[in-house]
């Protein structure tokens, strides 16, 4: 059974930084594309960033480009999201997700991800 566990969320002032981590167990981490999504109250889950199995392909949502950095450690089975220059609109529950399917480009569609974590709250005060 594949399990994803996020950590690192919290409350931070605007302009501050947080680092989210997601630890994956029970599967073959190095074969998964790994992504971060977020969901704010009353809104749909939205794509944040994705990194391919071999780290060659990385995508970011326009709203976080230049502020967030995704990375992965295949030896440790972890994926991280470094979030800098945080804004109040970044407030949401952040989820990591794993995609088992081999694709030419990693997908931004939440419904195509196979495994999900329970989420970690990120709150940014103004």
Foldseek 3Di string as FASTA:
>chain_A
DKAKAKDWADEEAAQAKIKMKIAIDDDQLLQWWKFKWWDDPPGDIFGAKIAHSVRPAIDGDPVQPPFKDWDDDNVRRMIMIIGGRDDQVVWTWMKMFIANDDDPHDDGDPVRTDDIHPTDTHGYHD
